[in-house]
């Protein structure tokens, strides 16, 4: 890490470069790495790779949020339902304690 890990912008750019270089090396051989098509692939790959990864992360986050809210909804609906019926019964019976 550069700057003892304190320069976040530079370190994130370096990590991004490492990831895209590794991903590009998966698709390109050694002879294509130095060619124009290799350069084009190394430039285009981040444009495609980053939105796809962020899209998958967004979908996963939505699924996690839906699961958590579904669980909370089931748990809270029972207690709120009991409270509602208690208030309806008190109102129907006059609530004159």
C-alpha atoms as a PDB file:
ATOM      1  CA  UNK A   1       0.000   0.000   0.000  1.00  0.00           C
ATOM      2  CA  UNK A   2       1.167   3.466  -0.799  1.00  0.00           C
ATOM      3  CA  UNK A   3       1.437   6.148   1.866  1.00  0.00           C
ATOM      4  CA  UNK A   4       1.181   3.531   4.619  1.00  0.00           C
ATOM      5  CA  UNK A   5      -2.391   2.838   3.542  1.00  0.00           C
ATOM      6  CA  UNK A   6      -3.589   6.369   4.260  1.00  0.00           C
ATOM      7  CA  UNK A   7      -3.961   7.542   0.646  1.00  0.00           C
ATOM      8  CA  UNK A   8      -7.309   5.942  -0.096  1.00  0.00           C
ATOM      9  CA  UNK A   9      -7.703   7.314  -3.624  1.00  0.00           C
ATOM     10  CA  UNK A  10      -4.310   6.103  -4.802  1.00  0.00           C
ATOM     11  CA  UNK A  11      -4.616   2.718  -3.120  1.00  0.00           C
ATOM     12  CA  UNK A  12      -8.092   2.105  -4.554  1.00  0.00           C
ATOM     13  CA  UNK A  13      -6.793   2.957  -8.032  1.00  0.00           C
ATOM     14  CA  UNK A  14      -3.902   0.531  -7.571  1.00  0.00           C
ATOM     15  CA  UNK A  15      -6.232  -2.237  -6.389  1.00  0.00           C
ATOM     16  CA  UNK A  16      -8.550  -1.557  -9.323  1.00  0.00           C
ATOM     17  CA  UNK A  17      -5.581  -1.754 -11.694  1.00  0.00           C
ATOM     18  CA  UNK A  18      -4.465  -5.078 -10.202  1.00  0.00           C
ATOM     19  CA  UNK A  19      -7.945  -6.565 -10.539  1.00  0.00           C
ATOM     20  CA  UNK A  20      -8.436  -5.407 -14.111  1.00  0.00           C
ATOM     21  CA  UNK A  21      -4.951  -6.585 -15.121  1.00  0.00           C
ATOM     22  CA  UNK A  22      -5.631 -10.005 -13.621  1.00  0.00           C
ATOM     23  CA  UNK A  23      -9.021 -10.199 -15.326  1.00  0.00           C
ATOM     24  CA  UNK A  24      -7.513  -9.116 -18.639  1.00  0.00           C
ATOM     25  CA  UNK A  25      -4.736 -11.700 -18.331  1.00  0.00           C
ATOM     26  CA  UNK A  26      -7.418 -14.394 -18.052  1.00  0.00           C
ATOM     27  CA  UNK A  27      -8.753 -13.459 -21.493  1.00  0.00           C
ATOM     28  CA  UNK A  28      -5.483 -12.559 -23.199  1.00  0.00           C
ATOM     29  CA  UNK A  29      -2.399 -14.602 -23.921  1.00  0.00           C
ATOM     30  CA  UNK A  30       1.120 -13.245 -23.599  1.00  0.00           C
ATOM     31  CA  UNK A  31       1.337 -12.348 -27.297  1.00  0.00           C
ATOM     32  CA  UNK A  32      -2.002 -10.514 -27.269  1.00  0.00           C
ATOM     33  CA  UNK A  33      -1.152  -8.633 -24.076  1.00  0.00           C
ATOM     34  CA  UNK A  34       1.189  -6.234 -25.907  1.00  0.00           C
ATOM     35  CA  UNK A  35      -0.880  -5.891 -29.101  1.00  0.00           C
ATOM     36  CA  UNK A  36      -3.479  -3.263 -29.943  1.00  0.00           C
ATOM     37  CA  UNK A  37      -6.339  -5.673 -29.319  1.00  0.00           C
ATOM     38  CA  UNK A  38      -4.831  -6.431 -25.906  1.00  0.00           C
ATOM     39  CA  UNK A  39      -4.687  -2.729 -25.137  1.00  0.00           C
ATOM     40  CA  UNK A  40      -8.274  -2.309 -26.278  1.00  0.00           C
ATOM     41  CA  UNK A  41      -9.367  -5.246 -24.138  1.00  0.00           C
ATOM     42  CA  UNK A  42      -7.554  -3.871 -21.097  1.00  0.00           C
ATOM     43  CA  UNK A  43      -9.319  -0.537 -21.599  1.00  0.00           C
ATOM     44  CA  UNK A  44     -12.788  -1.953 -22.321  1.00  0.00           C
ATOM     45  CA  UNK A  45     -12.739  -4.679 -19.653  1.00  0.00           C
ATOM     46  CA  UNK A  46     -13.096  -2.273 -16.690  1.00  0.00           C
ATOM     47  CA  UNK A  47     -15.969  -0.511 -18.448  1.00  0.00           C
ATOM     48  CA  UNK A  48     -17.827  -3.823 -18.649  1.00  0.00           C
ATOM     49  CA  UNK A  49     -16.551  -5.507 -15.500  1.00  0.00           C
ATOM     50  CA  UNK A  50     -17.245  -2.749 -12.965  1.00  0.00           C
ATOM     51  CA  UNK A  51     -20.955  -2.197 -13.781  1.00  0.00           C
ATOM     52  CA  UNK A  52     -21.583  -5.954 -13.865  1.00  0.00           C
ATOM     53  CA  UNK A  53     -19.980  -6.459 -10.456  1.00  0.00           C
ATOM     54  CA  UNK A  54     -21.764  -3.473  -8.923  1.00  0.00           C
ATOM     55  CA  UNK A  55     -25.040  -4.688 -10.445  1.00  0.00           C
ATOM     56  CA  UNK A  56     -24.581  -8.123  -8.879  1.00  0.00           C
ATOM     57  CA  UNK A  57     -23.770  -6.522  -5.518  1.00  0.00           C
ATOM     58  CA  UNK A  58     -26.901  -4.362  -5.779  1.00  0.00           C
ATOM     59  CA  UNK A  59     -29.087  -7.381  -6.553  1.00  0.00           C
ATOM     60  CA  UNK A  60     -27.616  -9.297  -3.620  1.00  0.00           C
ATOM     61  CA  UNK A  61     -28.213  -6.358  -1.292  1.00  0.00           C
ATOM     62  CA  UNK A  62     -31.832  -6.113  -2.429  1.00  0.00           C
ATOM     63  CA  UNK A  63     -32.326  -9.831  -1.765  1.00  0.00           C
ATOM     64  CA  UNK A  64     -30.794  -9.526   1.713  1.00  0.00           C
ATOM     65  CA  UNK A  65     -32.961  -6.512   2.538  1.00  0.00           C
ATOM     66  CA  UNK A  66     -36.072  -8.331   1.318  1.00  0.00           C
ATOM     67  CA  UNK A  67     -35.258 -11.356   3.479  1.00  0.00           C
ATOM     68  CA  UNK A  68     -34.631  -9.257   6.586  1.00  0.00           C
ATOM     69  CA  UNK A  69     -37.732  -7.111   6.104  1.00  0.00           C
ATOM     70  CA  UNK A  70     -39.868 -10.198   5.467  1.00  0.00           C
ATOM     71  CA  UNK A  71     -38.681 -11.718   8.739  1.00  0.00           C
ATOM     72  CA  UNK A  72     -39.268  -8.478  10.646  1.00  0.00           C
ATOM     73  CA  UNK A  73     -42.684  -8.104   9.065  1.00  0.00           C
ATOM     74  CA  UNK A  74     -43.745 -11.579  10.191  1.00  0.00           C
ATOM     75  CA  UNK A  75     -42.474 -10.995  13.712  1.00  0.00           C
ATOM     76  CA  UNK A  76     -43.974  -7.533  14.115  1.00  0.00           C
ATOM     77  CA  UNK A  77     -47.297  -8.354  12.459  1.00  0.00           C
ATOM     78  CA  UNK A  78     -48.199 -10.860  15.179  1.00  0.00           C
ATOM     79  CA  UNK A  79     -47.572  -8.457  18.041  1.00  0.00           C
ATOM     80  CA  UNK A  80     -49.209  -5.523  16.258  1.00  0.00           C
ATOM     81  CA  UNK A  81     -52.213  -7.692  15.381  1.00  0.00           C
ATOM     82  CA  UNK A  82     -52.675  -8.664  19.031  1.00  0.00           C
ATOM     83  CA  UNK A  83     -52.363  -5.029  20.112  1.00  0.00           C
ATOM     84  CA  UNK A  84     -54.896  -3.934  17.488  1.00  0.00           C
ATOM     85  CA  UNK A  85     -57.441  -6.547  18.550  1.00  0.00           C
ATOM     86  CA  UNK A  86     -56.949  -5.566  22.197  1.00  0.00           C
ATOM     87  CA  UNK A  87     -57.721  -1.928  21.347  1.00  0.00           C
ATOM     88  CA  UNK A  88     -60.770  -2.942  19.275  1.00  0.00           C
ATOM     89  CA  UNK A  89     -62.129  -5.060  22.157  1.00  0.00           C
ATOM     90  CA  UNK A  90     -61.589  -2.224  24.653  1.00  0.00           C
ATOM     91  CA  UNK A  91     -63.333   0.203  22.351  1.00  0.00           C
ATOM     92  CA  UNK A  92     -66.254  -2.187  21.726  1.00  0.00           C
ATOM     93  CA  UNK A  93     -66.724  -2.953  25.423  1.00  0.00           C
ATOM     94  CA  UNK A  94     -66.701   0.687  26.468  1.00  0.00           C
ATOM     95  CA  UNK A  95     -63.233   1.013  27.964  1.00  0.00           C
ATOM     96  CA  UNK A  96     -64.598   2.326  31.274  1.00  0.00           C
ATOM     97  CA  UNK A  97     -62.075   1.056  33.768  1.00  0.00           C
END
